[in-house]
Amino acid sequence: GHWDAAARAWGELGERSLQADALLQLGAVRYSELQAWDRARVATSAALGLFEVARDEKGVADAALLLGMIELERERTVGAPVARGVEAPSTRSLQRARRLYLALKLPAAAADARNNLGIKRFLAGEGERAITDLTAAAEELLRVGATEERAVVLGNLAAVAFDRGDYRGALRAQEDLLASMPDSPSEERAALLQNGAQA
């Protein structure tokens, strides 16, 4: 409701930048809270178009990242068809977001896009490429000191390695995750170890 109304109001007032921001927020709500992939895609695509017209590269990158995540969910849950030999819409959007974030010198955001590419590749059955992307994303986040974001990527890396039967790789990722959290209470560390053992 609110973001939809805001987007319409800003559009009627001719405030395209604010309309794009509201549409991006609407897309995010539809994606994360409502899991309404098609509706999220419509709002985010509209935001992307407005950011492109305004030549707002950060806005384009943010919208491309969200659109890639939405497309990933559509492909995973709805089974959105992808023609043979053609890159999936999620891959194209996530790669675009990554390129733009790198050009804007936003390495943590670029690593987030790479993490999502790794997830996409894992879900597409490209385990080795997924491991490569997730490992690189974790290394990029380590270089910029993005500890919390890196923890998420290491968790993804451990899960993918475990799923592929690479138990040593899964354990290494879990150990890296624990090493990055030296100040965490022992109960949290124990829970992480237990979750890693059950992954």
Protein backbone atom coordinates (compact mmCIF):
# COMPACT_ATOMS: atom_id res chain seq x y z
CA GLY A 1 0.00 0.00 0.00
CA HIS A 2 2.13 2.90 1.18
CA TRP A 3 4.98 2.55 -1.32
CA ASP A 4 2.50 2.04 -4.16
CA ALA A 5 0.65 5.22 -3.20
CA ALA A 6 3.93 7.11 -2.81
CA ALA A 7 5.11 5.98 -6.25
CA ARG A 8 1.84 7.13 -7.85
CA ALA A 9 1.93 10.47 -6.02
CA TRP A 10 5.54 11.21 -6.93
CA GLY A 11 4.77 10.25 -10.54
CA GLU A 12 1.80 12.61 -10.67
CA LEU A 13 4.03 15.40 -9.33
CA GLY A 14 6.67 14.66 -11.95
CA GLU A 15 9.26 13.69 -9.34
CA ARG A 16 10.73 10.75 -11.27
CA SER A 17 13.71 10.20 -8.94
CA LEU A 18 11.46 9.94 -5.89
CA GLN A 19 9.01 7.80 -7.86
CA ALA A 20 11.87 5.44 -8.76
CA ASP A 21 12.92 5.21 -5.09
CA ALA A 22 9.35 4.43 -4.03
CA LEU A 23 9.00 1.78 -6.77
CA LEU A 24 12.26 0.18 -5.67
CA GLN A 25 11.00 0.04 -2.08
CA LEU A 26 7.69 -1.39 -3.31
CA GLY A 27 9.60 -4.07 -5.23
CA ALA A 28 11.63 -4.87 -2.11
CA VAL A 29 8.50 -5.23 0.03
CA ARG A 30 6.80 -7.43 -2.55
CA TYR A 31 9.97 -9.53 -2.76
CA SER A 32 10.92 -9.92 0.89
CA GLU A 33 7.64 -9.69 2.79
CA LEU A 34 4.97 -10.74 0.33
CA GLN A 35 6.98 -13.10 -1.87
CA ALA A 36 4.92 -11.84 -4.79
CA TRP A 37 7.63 -12.37 -7.39
CA ASP A 38 5.73 -11.17 -10.47
CA ARG A 39 4.44 -8.03 -8.77
CA ALA A 40 7.90 -7.35 -7.33
CA ARG A 41 9.35 -7.75 -10.82
CA VAL A 42 6.92 -5.19 -12.29
CA ALA A 43 7.70 -2.55 -9.63
CA THR A 44 11.45 -3.12 -9.73
CA SER A 45 11.57 -3.07 -13.55
CA ALA A 46 9.69 0.25 -13.52
CA ALA A 47 12.19 1.63 -10.98
CA LEU A 48 15.08 0.38 -13.11
CA GLY A 49 13.70 2.15 -16.18
CA LEU A 50 13.35 5.44 -14.30
CA PHE A 51 16.87 5.17 -12.87
CA GLU A 52 18.22 4.47 -16.38
CA VAL A 53 16.48 7.55 -17.80
CA ALA A 54 17.87 9.65 -14.93
CA ARG A 55 21.34 8.11 -15.45
CA ASP A 56 21.46 7.25 -11.77
CA GLU A 57 24.06 4.45 -11.85
CA LYS A 58 23.71 3.61 -8.14
CA GLY A 59 19.94 3.39 -8.55
CA VAL A 60 20.37 1.21 -11.63
CA ALA A 61 22.77 -1.07 -9.73
CA ASP A 62 20.42 -1.36 -6.74
CA ALA A 63 17.43 -2.09 -8.98
CA ALA A 64 19.44 -4.61 -11.04
CA LEU A 65 20.52 -6.42 -7.86
CA LEU A 66 16.95 -6.62 -6.56
CA LEU A 67 15.66 -7.65 -9.98
CA GLY A 68 18.28 -10.40 -10.12
CA MET A 69 17.18 -11.68 -6.73
CA ILE A 70 13.53 -11.57 -7.79
CA GLU A 71 14.29 -13.41 -11.04
CA LEU A 72 16.24 -15.98 -9.06
CA GLU A 73 13.17 -16.69 -6.93
CA ARG A 74 10.92 -16.80 -10.00
CA GLU A 75 13.24 -19.29 -11.67
CA ARG A 76 13.47 -21.36 -8.48
CA THR A 77 9.83 -21.37 -7.40
CA VAL A 78 7.75 -20.68 -10.48
CA GLY A 79 10.07 -22.44 -12.89
CA ALA A 80 10.29 -19.40 -15.16
CA PRO A 81 11.55 -20.83 -18.46
CA VAL A 82 15.03 -19.98 -19.73
CA ALA A 83 15.84 -20.76 -23.36
CA ARG A 84 18.72 -23.15 -23.90
CA GLY A 85 22.00 -21.34 -24.55
CA VAL A 86 20.61 -18.07 -23.17
CA GLU A 87 21.68 -16.65 -19.83
CA ALA A 88 18.92 -16.56 -17.25
CA PRO A 89 17.46 -13.13 -16.47
CA SER A 90 18.70 -13.46 -12.88
CA THR A 91 22.28 -13.98 -14.05
CA ARG A 92 22.17 -11.01 -16.43
CA SER A 93 20.75 -8.70 -13.75
CA LEU A 94 23.17 -9.83 -11.05
CA GLN A 95 26.18 -9.48 -13.37
CA ARG A 96 25.02 -6.01 -14.37
CA ALA A 97 24.65 -4.99 -10.73
CA ARG A 98 28.13 -6.33 -9.95
CA ARG A 99 29.74 -4.44 -12.86
CA LEU A 100 28.04 -1.19 -11.84
CA TYR A 101 28.96 -1.56 -8.16
CA LEU A 102 32.59 -2.20 -9.12
CA ALA A 103 32.59 0.88 -11.37
CA LEU A 104 31.09 2.90 -8.50
CA LYS A 105 33.82 1.56 -6.18
CA LEU A 106 31.32 -0.19 -3.88
CA PRO A 107 33.14 -3.48 -3.27
CA ALA A 108 30.83 -4.82 -0.53
CA ALA A 109 27.79 -4.34 -2.77
CA ALA A 110 29.67 -5.96 -5.67
CA ALA A 111 30.49 -8.92 -3.42
CA ASP A 112 26.81 -9.18 -2.44
CA ALA A 113 25.92 -9.44 -6.13
CA ARG A 114 28.59 -12.12 -6.53
CA ASN A 115 27.18 -14.02 -3.53
CA ASN A 116 23.77 -14.02 -5.23
CA LEU A 117 25.38 -15.20 -8.47
CA GLY A 118 26.89 -18.07 -6.50
CA ILE A 119 23.47 -18.99 -5.13
CA LYS A 120 21.99 -18.78 -8.63
CA ARG A 121 24.68 -21.05 -10.02
CA PHE A 122 24.21 -23.56 -7.21
CA LEU A 123 20.47 -23.71 -7.86
CA ALA A 124 21.17 -24.14 -11.58
CA GLY A 125 23.37 -27.16 -10.86
CA GLU A 126 26.65 -25.34 -11.49
CA GLY A 127 28.26 -26.31 -8.19
CA GLU A 128 31.88 -25.62 -9.10
CA ARG A 129 31.08 -22.13 -10.43
CA ALA A 130 28.96 -21.51 -7.32
CA ILE A 131 31.92 -22.40 -5.08
CA THR A 132 34.16 -20.08 -7.12
CA ASP A 133 31.73 -17.16 -6.82
CA LEU A 134 31.04 -17.69 -3.12
CA THR A 135 34.74 -18.06 -2.28
CA ALA A 136 35.59 -14.89 -4.21
CA ALA A 137 32.72 -12.99 -2.56
CA ALA A 138 33.96 -14.04 0.90
CA GLU A 139 37.50 -12.92 0.03
CA GLU A 140 36.25 -9.57 -1.30
CA LEU A 141 34.26 -8.96 1.88
CA LEU A 142 37.26 -9.89 4.03
CA ARG A 143 39.37 -7.27 2.20
CA VAL A 144 36.85 -4.51 2.95
CA GLY A 145 36.14 -5.62 6.51
CA ALA A 146 32.45 -6.41 5.95
CA THR A 147 32.29 -9.04 8.70
CA GLU A 148 28.53 -9.56 8.93
CA GLU A 149 28.08 -9.78 5.16
CA ARG A 150 31.03 -12.19 4.97
CA ALA A 151 29.42 -14.40 7.62
CA VAL A 152 26.34 -14.79 5.38
CA VAL A 153 28.52 -15.71 2.40
CA LEU A 154 30.55 -18.20 4.44
CA GLY A 155 27.30 -19.83 5.57
CA ASN A 156 26.23 -20.12 1.92
CA LEU A 157 29.65 -21.50 0.98
CA ALA A 158 29.48 -24.11 3.75
CA ALA A 159 25.98 -25.19 2.67
CA VAL A 160 26.97 -25.51 -1.00
CA ALA A 161 30.18 -27.40 -0.17
CA PHE A 162 28.26 -29.75 2.13
CA ASP A 163 25.59 -30.35 -0.52
CA ARG A 164 28.31 -31.25 -3.02
CA GLY A 165 29.86 -33.73 -0.58
CA ASP A 166 32.89 -31.54 0.08
CA TYR A 167 32.77 -31.93 3.85
CA ARG A 168 36.27 -30.52 4.35
CA GLY A 169 35.33 -27.44 2.36
CA ALA A 170 32.15 -27.07 4.41
CA LEU A 171 34.13 -27.41 7.63
CA ARG A 172 36.71 -24.83 6.45
CA ALA A 173 33.94 -22.35 5.68
CA GLN A 174 32.36 -22.97 9.10
CA GLU A 175 35.75 -22.54 10.79
CA ASP A 176 36.33 -19.27 8.91
CA LEU A 177 32.88 -18.14 10.00
CA LEU A 178 33.65 -18.93 13.64
CA ALA A 179 37.09 -17.30 13.45
CA SER A 180 35.47 -14.11 12.19
CA MET A 181 33.33 -13.98 15.33
CA PRO A 182 35.84 -14.05 18.22
CA ASP A 183 33.73 -11.86 20.49
CA SER A 184 30.52 -13.82 20.15
CA PRO A 185 29.13 -15.52 23.24
CA SER A 186 30.02 -19.18 23.60
CA GLU A 187 26.37 -20.24 23.22
CA GLU A 188 26.20 -18.61 19.77
CA ARG A 189 29.48 -20.25 18.74
CA ALA A 190 28.22 -23.62 19.99
CA ALA A 191 24.97 -23.17 18.04
CA LEU A 192 26.94 -22.35 14.89
CA LEU A 193 29.12 -25.43 15.38
CA GLN A 194 26.05 -27.59 15.93
CA ASN A 195 24.29 -26.12 12.88
CA GLY A 196 27.44 -26.69 10.83
CA ALA A 197 27.55 -30.30 11.93
CA GLN A 198 23.90 -30.76 10.91
CA ALA A 199 24.17 -28.85 7.61
